[in-house]
Structure formats: C-alpha cells, structure tokens
Amino acid sequence: MNTKPKTINLAPSWEGVAKIHLMLLENGTDEGKADARKGIIEMGKLLDQLVAEREGDSDRCIVQSEIDGRRCIKERGHLLAHQWEAKS
C-alpha cells in the first residue's frame, strides 16, 4: 500500500494578501506601513507579468522582486514557476 503524506496549502489567496496589506496600512507601525506599500507594488508587478504572459509577451522576466532579498532569474516560463536566487 502506497500512502502519500497529505499536504495542506496554507498560502493565502491574493484577496487575503490584499486585505492584510490594507490592515497594515490602516493600523500598522511605520515599518509595517512601508512593508505594505512595497507589497502592494509587488502585487502590481506580478499582475503586470501575468498580463504580459497571457498576451504572449513572456520572453523575458519583467519582475525583479525585492522580496526577502531575492530576485527573479528565470527568463522564460509561467508566472508561478519563477526561479529565485539570493541578491548579491
């Protein structure tokens, strides 16, 4: 009998992430508000990338993420399949 361990995806939805960012903007510390602003801009960049990919303009990655000090290094492929490397 082959039993596979059950995994649970705990990643929030994009709507959930947006609500968290709004909460931080309304009630957060100065640092939390700054992080929320950066996060909202990052969400916009990811949506721009998705639109570009759906329109067939995905020859190169246009997202240069600063999240957790990483940047996108994948030149082709789907938005959710980006490869990341630590920023040097």
N, C-alpha and C. Protein backbone atom coordinates (compact mmCIF):
# COMPACT_ATOMS: atom_id res chain seq x y z
N MET A 1 0.85 -1.18 0.00
CA MET A 1 0.00 0.00 0.00
C MET A 1 0.89 1.24 0.00
N ASN A 2 0.67 2.11 -0.96
CA ASN A 2 1.45 3.33 -1.09
C ASN A 2 0.67 4.49 -0.47
N THR A 3 1.12 4.96 0.67
CA THR A 3 0.44 6.09 1.30
C THR A 3 1.28 7.34 1.14
N LYS A 4 0.68 8.31 0.55
CA LYS A 4 1.33 9.59 0.32
C LYS A 4 0.97 10.52 1.47
N PRO A 5 1.94 11.26 2.00
CA PRO A 5 1.58 12.19 3.07
C PRO A 5 0.65 13.28 2.52
N LYS A 6 -0.33 13.64 3.32
CA LYS A 6 -1.27 14.69 2.92
C LYS A 6 -0.61 16.05 3.15
N THR A 7 -0.72 16.91 2.16
CA THR A 7 -0.19 18.27 2.32
C THR A 7 -1.35 19.25 2.29
N ILE A 8 -1.18 20.31 3.05
CA ILE A 8 -2.19 21.35 3.12
C ILE A 8 -1.54 22.65 2.68
N ASN A 9 -2.13 23.30 1.69
CA ASN A 9 -1.62 24.58 1.20
C ASN A 9 -2.12 25.69 2.13
N LEU A 10 -1.20 26.33 2.84
CA LEU A 10 -1.55 27.39 3.77
C LEU A 10 -1.32 28.78 3.18
N ALA A 11 -0.97 28.84 1.91
CA ALA A 11 -0.74 30.13 1.28
C ALA A 11 -2.05 30.90 1.19
N PRO A 12 -2.03 32.18 1.56
CA PRO A 12 -3.27 32.96 1.47
C PRO A 12 -3.62 33.27 0.02
N SER A 13 -4.88 33.56 -0.22
CA SER A 13 -5.30 33.98 -1.56
C SER A 13 -4.79 35.39 -1.81
N TRP A 14 -4.82 35.81 -3.07
CA TRP A 14 -4.40 37.19 -3.38
C TRP A 14 -5.32 38.18 -2.68
N GLU A 15 -6.60 37.86 -2.61
CA GLU A 15 -7.53 38.74 -1.89
C GLU A 15 -7.14 38.83 -0.42
N GLY A 16 -6.78 37.70 0.16
CA GLY A 16 -6.35 37.69 1.56
C GLY A 16 -5.10 38.52 1.77
N VAL A 17 -4.16 38.41 0.85
CA VAL A 17 -2.92 39.20 0.94
C VAL A 17 -3.25 40.69 0.85
N ALA A 18 -4.16 41.06 -0.06
CA ALA A 18 -4.54 42.47 -0.20
C ALA A 18 -5.17 42.98 1.09
N LYS A 19 -6.02 42.17 1.72
CA LYS A 19 -6.65 42.58 2.97
C LYS A 19 -5.63 42.77 4.09
N ILE A 20 -4.63 41.90 4.13
CA ILE A 20 -3.56 42.04 5.13
C ILE A 20 -2.80 43.34 4.91
N HIS A 21 -2.49 43.65 3.65
CA HIS A 21 -1.78 44.89 3.35
C HIS A 21 -2.61 46.11 3.73
N LEU A 22 -3.91 46.07 3.47
CA LEU A 22 -4.77 47.19 3.86
C LEU A 22 -4.81 47.35 5.37
N MET A 23 -4.88 46.24 6.09
CA MET A 23 -4.88 46.30 7.55
C MET A 23 -3.59 46.94 8.06
N LEU A 24 -2.46 46.56 7.45
CA LEU A 24 -1.19 47.15 7.85
C LEU A 24 -1.14 48.64 7.55
N LEU A 25 -1.68 49.05 6.39
CA LEU A 25 -1.70 50.48 6.05
C LEU A 25 -2.55 51.28 7.02
N GLU A 26 -3.64 50.68 7.49
CA GLU A 26 -4.55 51.39 8.39
C GLU A 26 -4.10 51.36 9.84
N ASN A 27 -3.50 50.26 10.28
CA ASN A 27 -3.24 50.08 11.71
C ASN A 27 -1.80 49.73 12.06
N GLY A 28 -0.95 49.62 11.08
CA GLY A 28 0.40 49.13 11.33
C GLY A 28 1.36 50.18 11.85
N THR A 29 2.52 49.70 12.25
CA THR A 29 3.61 50.59 12.61
C THR A 29 4.13 51.25 11.34
N ASP A 30 5.03 52.20 11.49
CA ASP A 30 5.62 52.84 10.31
C ASP A 30 6.30 51.80 9.43
N GLU A 31 6.99 50.85 10.06
CA GLU A 31 7.67 49.80 9.30
C GLU A 31 6.64 48.90 8.60
N GLY A 32 5.56 48.56 9.30
CA GLY A 32 4.52 47.74 8.70
C GLY A 32 3.85 48.43 7.52
N LYS A 33 3.63 49.74 7.65
CA LYS A 33 3.03 50.51 6.55
C LYS A 33 3.96 50.53 5.34
N ALA A 34 5.25 50.71 5.59
CA ALA A 34 6.22 50.71 4.48
C ALA A 34 6.25 49.34 3.80
N ASP A 35 6.23 48.27 4.59
CA ASP A 35 6.20 46.92 4.01
C ASP A 35 4.93 46.70 3.20
N ALA A 36 3.80 47.21 3.69
CA ALA A 36 2.54 47.05 2.97
C ALA A 36 2.59 47.77 1.63
N ARG A 37 3.15 48.97 1.61
CA ARG A 37 3.27 49.71 0.35
C ARG A 37 4.12 48.93 -0.65
N LYS A 38 5.25 48.39 -0.17
CA LYS A 38 6.12 47.59 -1.05
C LYS A 38 5.37 46.35 -1.55
N GLY A 39 4.62 45.72 -0.66
CA GLY A 39 3.88 44.52 -1.04
C GLY A 39 2.82 44.80 -2.09
N ILE A 40 2.13 45.92 -1.97
CA ILE A 40 1.11 46.28 -2.95
C ILE A 40 1.75 46.53 -4.31
N ILE A 41 2.89 47.21 -4.32
CA ILE A 41 3.60 47.44 -5.58
C ILE A 41 4.06 46.11 -6.17
N GLU A 42 4.55 45.20 -5.34
CA GLU A 42 4.98 43.88 -5.82
C GLU A 42 3.79 43.12 -6.42
N MET A 43 2.63 43.20 -5.79
CA MET A 43 1.44 42.55 -6.34
C MET A 43 1.12 43.11 -7.72
N GLY A 44 1.24 44.43 -7.88
CA GLY A 44 1.00 45.05 -9.18
C GLY A 44 1.98 44.56 -10.23
N LYS A 45 3.25 44.42 -9.85
CA LYS A 45 4.26 43.91 -10.79
C LYS A 45 3.94 42.48 -11.22
N LEU A 46 3.52 41.67 -10.26
CA LEU A 46 3.17 40.28 -10.59
C LEU A 46 1.96 40.22 -11.52
N LEU A 47 0.99 41.10 -11.29
CA LEU A 47 -0.16 41.13 -12.18
C LEU A 47 0.23 41.61 -13.58
N ASP A 48 1.13 42.61 -13.65
CA ASP A 48 1.64 43.04 -14.96
C ASP A 48 2.32 41.89 -15.68
N GLN A 49 3.09 41.08 -14.95
CA GLN A 49 3.76 39.92 -15.55
C GLN A 49 2.74 38.92 -16.06
N LEU A 50 1.71 38.66 -15.29
CA LEU A 50 0.67 37.72 -15.71
C LEU A 50 -0.01 38.20 -16.98
N VAL A 51 -0.34 39.49 -17.03
CA VAL A 51 -0.96 40.05 -18.23
C VAL A 51 -0.04 39.89 -19.43
N ALA A 52 1.26 40.19 -19.26
CA ALA A 52 2.22 40.06 -20.35
C ALA A 52 2.30 38.61 -20.82
N GLU A 53 2.29 37.66 -19.89
CA GLU A 53 2.36 36.25 -20.26
C GLU A 53 1.11 35.81 -21.00
N ARG A 54 -0.03 36.28 -20.57
CA ARG A 54 -1.29 35.91 -21.24
C ARG A 54 -1.37 36.52 -22.63
N GLU A 55 -0.70 37.65 -22.83
CA GLU A 55 -0.69 38.29 -24.15
C GLU A 55 0.44 37.76 -25.01
N GLY A 56 1.17 36.77 -24.51
CA GLY A 56 2.23 36.14 -25.28
C GLY A 56 3.54 36.90 -25.28
N ASP A 57 3.73 37.82 -24.35
CA ASP A 57 4.95 38.61 -24.28
C ASP A 57 5.77 38.20 -23.06
N SER A 58 6.07 36.90 -22.97
CA SER A 58 6.77 36.41 -21.78
C SER A 58 8.19 35.97 -22.11
N ASP A 59 8.81 36.57 -23.12
CA ASP A 59 10.16 36.18 -23.49
C ASP A 59 11.18 36.44 -22.39
N ARG A 60 10.90 37.41 -21.58
CA ARG A 60 11.85 37.67 -20.51
C ARG A 60 11.10 38.10 -19.27
N CYS A 61 11.65 37.82 -18.15
CA CYS A 61 11.02 38.13 -16.88
C CYS A 61 11.07 39.63 -16.65
N ILE A 62 9.92 40.25 -16.38
CA ILE A 62 9.91 41.68 -16.11
C ILE A 62 9.79 41.96 -14.62
N VAL A 63 9.70 40.92 -13.83
CA VAL A 63 9.57 41.09 -12.39
C VAL A 63 10.95 41.00 -11.76
N GLN A 64 11.37 42.03 -11.10
CA GLN A 64 12.61 42.00 -10.33
C GLN A 64 12.21 42.18 -8.87
N SER A 65 11.94 41.10 -8.22
CA SER A 65 11.41 41.14 -6.87
C SER A 65 12.48 41.48 -5.86
N GLU A 66 12.09 42.24 -4.88
CA GLU A 66 12.97 42.54 -3.76
C GLU A 66 12.52 41.78 -2.51
N ILE A 67 11.53 40.92 -2.66
CA ILE A 67 11.00 40.19 -1.51
C ILE A 67 12.08 39.29 -0.93
N ASP A 68 12.30 39.40 0.35
CA ASP A 68 13.27 38.56 1.06
C ASP A 68 14.66 38.63 0.45
N GLY A 69 15.00 39.74 -0.20
CA GLY A 69 16.33 39.90 -0.76
C GLY A 69 16.61 38.98 -1.93
N ARG A 70 15.58 38.56 -2.65
CA ARG A 70 15.76 37.67 -3.79
C ARG A 70 15.37 38.40 -5.06
N ARG A 71 15.85 37.89 -6.19
CA ARG A 71 15.42 38.45 -7.46
C ARG A 71 15.13 37.33 -8.43
N CYS A 72 14.27 37.60 -9.39
CA CYS A 72 13.88 36.59 -10.37
C CYS A 72 15.02 36.38 -11.35
N ILE A 73 15.34 35.12 -11.63
CA ILE A 73 16.40 34.82 -12.59
C ILE A 73 15.87 33.99 -13.76
N LYS A 74 14.60 33.70 -13.79
CA LYS A 74 14.05 32.88 -14.87
C LYS A 74 13.71 33.76 -16.06
N GLU A 75 14.16 33.38 -17.22
CA GLU A 75 13.96 34.19 -18.42
C GLU A 75 12.68 33.83 -19.16
N ARG A 76 12.21 32.61 -19.05
CA ARG A 76 11.00 32.20 -19.74
C ARG A 76 10.17 31.35 -18.79
N GLY A 77 8.88 31.32 -19.02
CA GLY A 77 8.05 30.41 -18.25
C GLY A 77 6.89 31.08 -17.57
N HIS A 78 6.16 30.30 -16.86
CA HIS A 78 4.94 30.74 -16.21
C HIS A 78 5.24 31.56 -14.97
N LEU A 79 4.35 32.48 -14.67
CA LEU A 79 4.49 33.37 -13.52
C LEU A 79 4.77 32.62 -12.23
N LEU A 80 4.09 31.51 -12.01
CA LEU A 80 4.24 30.80 -10.75
C LEU A 80 5.44 29.87 -10.75
N ALA A 81 6.20 29.84 -11.83
CA ALA A 81 7.35 28.95 -11.93
C ALA A 81 8.66 29.73 -11.91
N HIS A 82 8.64 30.93 -11.38
CA HIS A 82 9.86 31.73 -11.32
C HIS A 82 10.91 31.03 -10.47
N GLN A 83 12.14 31.19 -10.85
CA GLN A 83 13.26 30.69 -10.06
C GLN A 83 13.88 31.89 -9.36
N TRP A 84 14.30 31.69 -8.15
CA TRP A 84 14.81 32.81 -7.37
C TRP A 84 16.24 32.54 -6.94
N GLU A 85 17.00 33.60 -6.82
CA GLU A 85 18.34 33.49 -6.27
C GLU A 85 18.51 34.61 -5.26
N ALA A 86 19.40 34.40 -4.32
CA ALA A 86 19.66 35.44 -3.33
C ALA A 86 20.35 36.61 -4.01
N LYS A 87 19.96 37.81 -3.60
CA LYS A 87 20.61 39.00 -4.15
C LYS A 87 22.02 39.08 -3.61
N SER A 88 22.96 39.40 -4.48
CA SER A 88 24.34 39.52 -4.01
C SER A 88 24.71 40.97 -3.82
